[in-house]
């Protein structure tokens, strides 16, 4: 207690500055997180969440009585039901989530790196290109989703109108699982590439030009300079943006929900859209949605720890 008191007396101003942030995070993040974890161990839903059931008598007087179907503690029952497929579609949704995340992050990184390398050179109109390529990142995701949904629309879409000029019949891009998933991946790639490009461009500008000059004098080809100087120099930046991109994409709700709503027939639902449907469609099953959330969080924590361990084994201190 003496050490704590001395620390408070010596660094009181630091604690005072940090306190508002801690309070805001506790209210907006930690409390809902703890509540969600607790709800995943219950069977709470829209019908049994109330402790009392109130009815109006003929005279207008309201009478209340204990709810006989009040929610109960069920332990790991929700997890067992979800993971065994008795409720929800966890494993198909996880598979789609992994495909969605891998494809998006792969194209985010590769296209972002290609554009960053291009814009790191002295080319005419470079500033204009940078602004134009950053614009998709500046537009809110839901606005982009609605715009692209109009582009892909079967009847009035711009893309089908263009294909019609060549005699191609209108295509329903959301009629099959493959085409629907490809459409939403394309839109998310369009949204995510600017972030990767900006981050990697910043990393490229920190690479000393002398390294390239020395390699060129030694007769290294452009590809050799890229693989032996550019990529190793970008490892710290790449590690961070790939991790962030994976977490963001894994939980990217607006694009899939606003464009395809997980269709056709829920075959392109990812885990977060599955959680949303459990919480807000039909009989709102808050406990099932919370179970989804805890499992999503667990998967991302395990991935982050494994990713960090892999980087450490590769010699990256991160």
Protein backbone atom coordinates (compact mmCIF):
# COMPACT_ATOMS: atom_id res chain seq x y z
CA UNK A 1 0.00 0.00 0.00
CA UNK A 2 2.90 2.36 0.76
CA UNK A 3 4.36 1.91 -2.73
CA UNK A 4 0.96 2.53 -4.33
CA UNK A 5 0.46 5.67 -2.23
CA UNK A 6 3.91 6.98 -3.18
CA UNK A 7 3.26 6.26 -6.84
CA UNK A 8 -0.06 8.12 -6.69
CA UNK A 9 1.54 11.08 -4.96
CA UNK A 10 4.42 11.21 -7.44
CA UNK A 11 2.54 10.55 -10.67
CA UNK A 12 -0.96 11.83 -9.82
CA UNK A 13 -1.06 14.02 -12.95
CA UNK A 14 -0.37 11.02 -15.19
CA UNK A 15 -3.18 9.02 -13.58
CA UNK A 16 -5.47 12.03 -13.90
CA UNK A 17 -4.75 12.24 -17.62
CA UNK A 18 -5.28 8.52 -18.16
CA UNK A 19 -8.43 8.25 -16.02
CA UNK A 20 -10.91 9.64 -18.63
CA UNK A 21 -9.67 7.18 -21.24
CA UNK A 22 -9.94 4.29 -18.79
CA UNK A 23 -13.48 5.34 -17.85
CA UNK A 24 -14.60 5.64 -21.48
CA UNK A 25 -13.05 2.28 -22.41
CA UNK A 26 -14.63 0.64 -19.38
CA UNK A 27 -18.09 1.93 -20.30
CA UNK A 28 -17.91 1.38 -24.06
CA UNK A 29 -15.66 -1.68 -24.35
CA UNK A 30 -14.95 -3.64 -21.18
CA UNK A 31 -18.43 -3.63 -19.65
CA UNK A 32 -20.18 -4.77 -22.87
CA UNK A 33 -17.45 -7.38 -23.35
CA UNK A 34 -17.93 -8.83 -19.87
CA UNK A 35 -21.72 -8.70 -20.26
CA UNK A 36 -21.51 -10.47 -23.62
CA UNK A 37 -19.32 -13.23 -22.19
CA UNK A 38 -21.80 -13.69 -19.31
CA UNK A 39 -24.80 -13.79 -21.68
CA UNK A 40 -23.14 -16.56 -23.69
CA UNK A 41 -23.54 -18.81 -20.62
CA UNK A 42 -27.31 -18.17 -20.44
CA UNK A 43 -30.31 -18.84 -22.67
CA UNK A 44 -31.50 -15.22 -22.71
CA UNK A 45 -33.54 -14.11 -25.71
CA UNK A 46 -36.22 -11.60 -26.61
CA UNK A 47 -38.97 -13.63 -25.01
CA UNK A 48 -37.44 -14.51 -21.65
CA UNK A 49 -35.29 -11.49 -20.81
CA UNK A 50 -37.92 -9.81 -18.61
CA UNK A 51 -38.04 -10.80 -14.95
CA UNK A 52 -41.77 -10.03 -14.81
CA UNK A 53 -44.71 -10.35 -17.17
CA UNK A 54 -47.17 -7.44 -16.97
CA UNK A 55 -50.74 -7.46 -18.25
CA UNK A 56 -53.51 -4.89 -18.28
CA UNK A 57 -56.78 -5.86 -16.67
CA UNK A 58 -60.19 -4.81 -18.00
CA UNK A 59 -60.22 -1.74 -15.81
CA UNK A 60 -56.91 -0.58 -17.25
CA UNK A 61 -54.95 -1.55 -14.16
CA UNK A 62 -51.62 -3.24 -14.89
CA UNK A 63 -50.71 -6.35 -12.95
CA UNK A 64 -47.30 -7.96 -12.99
CA UNK A 65 -46.23 -11.48 -12.07
CA UNK A 66 -42.90 -13.34 -12.17
CA UNK A 67 -41.99 -14.59 -15.64
CA UNK A 68 -42.21 -18.41 -15.55
CA UNK A 69 -39.95 -18.64 -18.60
CA UNK A 70 -37.25 -16.29 -17.29
CA UNK A 71 -33.77 -16.89 -18.72
CA UNK A 72 -31.51 -19.41 -17.01
CA UNK A 73 -27.83 -20.19 -16.72
CA UNK A 74 -26.92 -23.00 -19.14
CA UNK A 75 -23.13 -23.12 -18.82
CA UNK A 76 -21.40 -24.25 -22.00
CA UNK A 77 -24.65 -25.37 -23.61
CA UNK A 78 -24.66 -22.60 -26.22
CA UNK A 79 -21.11 -23.40 -27.26
CA UNK A 80 -21.89 -27.11 -27.54
CA UNK A 81 -25.03 -26.43 -29.60
CA UNK A 82 -23.28 -23.99 -31.93
CA UNK A 83 -20.12 -26.03 -32.47
CA UNK A 84 -22.06 -29.28 -33.06
CA UNK A 85 -24.42 -27.62 -35.55
CA UNK A 86 -27.60 -28.04 -33.51
CA UNK A 87 -28.19 -24.29 -33.85
CA UNK A 88 -26.71 -21.82 -36.30
CA UNK A 89 -24.28 -22.62 -39.11
CA UNK A 90 -20.95 -22.01 -37.40
CA UNK A 91 -18.64 -24.25 -39.44
CA UNK A 92 -19.91 -23.27 -42.93
CA UNK A 93 -19.78 -19.62 -41.86
CA UNK A 94 -16.25 -20.07 -40.50
CA UNK A 95 -15.16 -21.60 -43.81
CA UNK A 96 -16.62 -18.69 -45.78
CA UNK A 97 -15.04 -16.26 -43.30
CA UNK A 98 -11.60 -17.79 -43.84
CA UNK A 99 -11.96 -17.67 -47.65
CA UNK A 100 -13.22 -14.09 -47.47
CA UNK A 101 -10.44 -12.97 -45.11
CA UNK A 102 -7.58 -14.68 -46.95
CA UNK A 103 -8.67 -13.48 -50.40
CA UNK A 104 -9.24 -9.90 -49.27
CA UNK A 105 -6.01 -9.56 -47.28
CA UNK A 106 -3.99 -11.20 -50.06
CA UNK A 107 -5.23 -8.75 -52.69
CA UNK A 108 -5.09 -5.84 -50.24
CA UNK A 109 -1.41 -6.48 -49.63
CA UNK A 110 -0.26 -7.41 -53.13
CA UNK A 111 -2.12 -4.62 -54.92
CA UNK A 112 -1.25 -2.13 -52.18
CA UNK A 113 2.42 -3.06 -52.43
CA UNK A 114 2.40 -2.77 -56.23
CA UNK A 115 0.80 0.68 -56.08
CA UNK A 116 3.14 1.79 -53.30
CA UNK A 117 6.21 0.77 -55.32
CA UNK A 118 4.80 2.58 -58.36
CA UNK A 119 3.99 5.78 -56.46
CA UNK A 120 7.36 5.76 -54.71
CA UNK A 121 8.97 6.57 -58.04
CA UNK A 122 9.29 9.98 -59.62
CA UNK A 123 6.42 9.99 -62.10
CA UNK A 124 4.38 12.84 -63.51
CA UNK A 125 1.15 13.48 -61.64
CA UNK A 126 2.18 11.37 -58.65
CA UNK A 127 0.33 13.58 -56.14
CA UNK A 128 -2.86 13.35 -58.21
CA UNK A 129 -2.61 9.57 -58.39
CA UNK A 130 -2.11 9.36 -54.63
CA UNK A 131 -5.22 11.40 -53.92
CA UNK A 132 -7.30 9.41 -56.44
CA UNK A 133 -6.19 6.07 -54.99
CA UNK A 134 -6.87 7.14 -51.40
CA UNK A 135 -10.46 8.24 -52.17
CA UNK A 136 -12.04 4.76 -51.70
CA UNK A 137 -10.63 4.71 -48.17
CA UNK A 138 -12.15 8.12 -47.42
CA UNK A 139 -15.66 7.07 -48.45
CA UNK A 140 -17.72 5.42 -45.65
CA UNK A 141 -18.07 1.68 -46.16
CA UNK A 142 -21.88 1.72 -46.25
CA UNK A 143 -21.87 4.38 -48.99
CA UNK A 144 -19.47 2.29 -51.07
CA UNK A 145 -21.59 -0.81 -50.48
CA UNK A 146 -24.75 0.86 -51.79
CA UNK A 147 -22.89 2.31 -54.78
CA UNK A 148 -21.41 -1.05 -55.74
CA UNK A 149 -24.73 -2.80 -55.20
CA UNK A 150 -26.19 -0.48 -57.81
CA UNK A 151 -23.27 -1.26 -60.14
CA UNK A 152 -23.88 -5.02 -59.76
CA UNK A 153 -27.69 -4.76 -59.97
CA UNK A 154 -29.15 -7.25 -62.46
CA UNK A 155 -31.81 -4.98 -63.92
CA UNK A 156 -30.50 -1.43 -63.63
CA UNK A 157 -26.82 -1.98 -62.86
CA UNK A 158 -24.10 -0.10 -64.70
CA UNK A 159 -22.05 -3.26 -65.23
CA UNK A 160 -24.91 -5.17 -66.84
CA UNK A 161 -25.72 -2.14 -68.99
CA UNK A 162 -22.13 -2.14 -70.21
CA UNK A 163 -22.19 -5.88 -70.91
CA UNK A 164 -25.46 -5.42 -72.79
CA UNK A 165 -23.63 -3.27 -75.33
CA UNK A 166 -21.81 -6.43 -76.38
CA UNK A 167 -24.93 -8.59 -76.46
CA UNK A 168 -24.36 -10.25 -73.09
CA UNK A 169 -27.51 -11.15 -71.16
CA UNK A 170 -27.93 -9.56 -67.71
CA UNK A 171 -26.07 -11.41 -64.97
CA UNK A 172 -27.41 -11.85 -61.44
CA UNK A 173 -24.15 -11.54 -59.51
CA UNK A 174 -25.82 -12.58 -56.25
CA UNK A 175 -27.59 -15.69 -57.57
CA UNK A 176 -24.83 -18.18 -56.71
CA UNK A 177 -22.44 -18.55 -53.81
CA UNK A 178 -19.32 -18.19 -55.95
CA UNK A 179 -20.41 -15.07 -57.84
CA UNK A 180 -21.84 -13.42 -54.73
CA UNK A 181 -18.67 -14.05 -52.75
CA UNK A 182 -16.52 -12.82 -55.64
CA UNK A 183 -18.57 -9.62 -55.85
CA UNK A 184 -18.27 -8.74 -52.17
CA UNK A 185 -14.55 -9.64 -52.16
CA UNK A 186 -13.99 -7.31 -55.13
CA UNK A 187 -15.71 -4.45 -53.31
CA UNK A 188 -13.79 -5.02 -50.08
CA UNK A 189 -10.51 -5.17 -52.01
CA UNK A 190 -11.40 -1.83 -53.61
CA UNK A 191 -11.98 -0.41 -50.12
CA UNK A 192 -8.93 -1.91 -48.41
CA UNK A 193 -6.14 -1.39 -50.92
CA UNK A 194 -5.68 2.35 -50.13
CA UNK A 195 -4.84 1.62 -46.48
CA UNK A 196 -2.22 -0.94 -47.46
CA UNK A 197 -0.85 1.38 -50.12
CA UNK A 198 -0.45 4.33 -47.73
CA UNK A 199 1.14 2.23 -44.98
CA UNK A 200 3.56 0.47 -47.33
CA UNK A 201 4.39 3.71 -49.13
CA UNK A 202 5.41 5.20 -45.79
CA UNK A 203 7.62 2.16 -45.20
CA UNK A 204 9.21 2.47 -48.64
CA UNK A 205 10.07 6.11 -48.10
CA UNK A 206 12.00 5.14 -44.97
CA UNK A 207 14.29 2.78 -46.92
CA UNK A 208 17.68 4.50 -47.53
CA UNK A 209 18.20 5.27 -51.21
CA UNK A 210 21.88 4.35 -50.80
CA UNK A 211 20.93 0.67 -50.55
CA UNK A 212 19.34 0.73 -54.01
CA UNK A 213 22.23 2.71 -55.46
CA UNK A 214 24.79 0.25 -54.07
CA UNK A 215 22.81 -2.74 -55.33
CA UNK A 216 22.46 -1.17 -58.78
CA UNK A 217 26.20 -0.52 -58.92
CA UNK A 218 26.77 -4.19 -58.06
CA UNK A 219 24.65 -5.18 -61.05
CA UNK A 220 21.49 -6.27 -59.21
CA UNK A 221 18.38 -6.50 -61.39
CA UNK A 222 15.16 -4.67 -60.40
CA UNK A 223 13.66 -7.95 -59.21
CA UNK A 224 16.73 -8.71 -57.09
CA UNK A 225 16.58 -5.22 -55.57
CA UNK A 226 12.90 -5.76 -54.80
CA UNK A 227 13.34 -9.18 -53.16
CA UNK A 228 16.57 -8.42 -51.30
CA UNK A 229 16.04 -4.80 -50.25
CA UNK A 230 12.39 -3.73 -50.55
CA UNK A 231 10.64 -6.75 -49.04
CA UNK A 232 13.07 -7.24 -46.09
CA UNK A 233 12.91 -3.51 -45.30
CA UNK A 234 9.11 -3.63 -45.26
CA UNK A 235 8.85 -6.58 -42.85
CA UNK A 236 7.96 -4.53 -39.74
CA UNK A 237 5.32 -2.51 -41.62
CA UNK A 238 4.01 -5.60 -43.42
CA UNK A 239 3.65 -7.51 -40.16
CA UNK A 240 1.52 -4.76 -38.65
CA UNK A 241 -0.73 -4.08 -41.64
CA UNK A 242 -1.36 -7.76 -42.35
CA UNK A 243 -2.43 -8.34 -38.74
CA UNK A 244 -4.66 -5.25 -38.71
CA UNK A 245 -6.06 -6.09 -42.14
CA UNK A 246 -6.88 -9.63 -41.05
CA UNK A 247 -8.72 -8.50 -37.91
CA UNK A 248 -10.65 -5.79 -39.77
CA UNK A 249 -11.60 -8.06 -42.66
CA UNK A 250 -12.58 -10.94 -40.38
CA UNK A 251 -15.12 -8.60 -38.78
CA UNK A 252 -16.11 -6.64 -41.91
CA UNK A 253 -19.88 -6.61 -41.54
CA UNK A 254 -21.21 -3.74 -43.75
CA UNK A 255 -20.04 -4.96 -47.17
CA UNK A 256 -21.55 -8.44 -47.01
CA UNK A 257 -24.69 -7.39 -45.18
CA UNK A 258 -25.54 -4.38 -47.32
CA UNK A 259 -24.66 -5.99 -50.65
CA UNK A 260 -25.77 -9.61 -50.44
CA UNK A 261 -27.21 -10.05 -46.92
CA UNK A 262 -25.28 -13.31 -46.86
CA UNK A 263 -27.19 -14.64 -49.85
CA UNK A 264 -28.10 -16.71 -51.62
CA UNK A 265 -29.85 -18.48 -48.73
CA UNK A 266 -27.16 -17.55 -46.23
CA UNK A 267 -24.36 -19.35 -48.08
CA UNK A 268 -22.07 -16.30 -48.00
CA UNK A 269 -22.70 -15.42 -44.36
CA UNK A 270 -19.54 -14.87 -42.35
CA UNK A 271 -19.40 -15.20 -38.57
CA UNK A 272 -20.29 -11.58 -37.82
CA UNK A 273 -23.35 -11.65 -40.08
CA UNK A 274 -24.35 -14.92 -38.44
CA UNK A 275 -24.12 -13.22 -35.05
CA UNK A 276 -26.17 -10.28 -36.33
CA UNK A 277 -28.92 -12.56 -37.65
CA UNK A 278 -29.03 -14.44 -34.35
CA UNK A 279 -29.43 -11.18 -32.43
CA UNK A 280 -31.85 -9.25 -34.65
CA UNK A 281 -33.80 -11.66 -36.87
CA UNK A 282 -36.78 -13.75 -35.78
CA UNK A 283 -36.82 -14.45 -32.05
CA UNK A 284 -33.80 -12.40 -31.01
CA UNK A 285 -31.44 -14.90 -29.45
CA UNK A 286 -29.02 -12.71 -27.52
CA UNK A 287 -27.24 -15.63 -25.91
CA UNK A 288 -26.47 -17.24 -29.28
CA UNK A 289 -25.24 -13.91 -30.67
CA UNK A 290 -23.00 -13.49 -27.62
CA UNK A 291 -21.64 -16.99 -28.14
CA UNK A 292 -20.77 -16.06 -31.71
CA UNK A 293 -19.01 -12.96 -30.42
CA UNK A 294 -16.94 -14.82 -27.84
CA UNK A 295 -15.88 -17.42 -30.42
CA UNK A 296 -14.92 -14.70 -32.91
CA UNK A 297 -12.87 -12.96 -30.24
CA UNK A 298 -11.21 -16.24 -29.26
CA UNK A 299 -10.28 -17.05 -32.86
CA UNK A 300 -8.72 -13.62 -33.37
CA UNK A 301 -6.79 -13.80 -30.09
CA UNK A 302 -5.39 -17.22 -30.99
CA UNK A 303 -4.48 -15.95 -34.46
CA UNK A 304 -2.77 -12.84 -33.07
CA UNK A 305 -0.74 -14.85 -30.56
CA UNK A 306 0.23 -17.42 -33.20
CA UNK A 307 1.11 -14.68 -35.68
CA UNK A 308 3.32 -12.92 -33.13
CA UNK A 309 5.02 -16.22 -32.22
CA UNK A 310 5.69 -16.91 -35.91
CA UNK A 311 7.24 -13.48 -36.36
CA UNK A 312 9.46 -13.97 -33.33
CA UNK A 313 10.71 -17.26 -34.75
CA UNK A 314 11.51 -15.42 -37.98
CA UNK A 315 13.64 -12.98 -36.01
CA UNK A 316 11.17 -10.11 -35.96
CA UNK A 317 11.01 -8.34 -32.61
CA UNK A 318 7.39 -7.24 -32.42
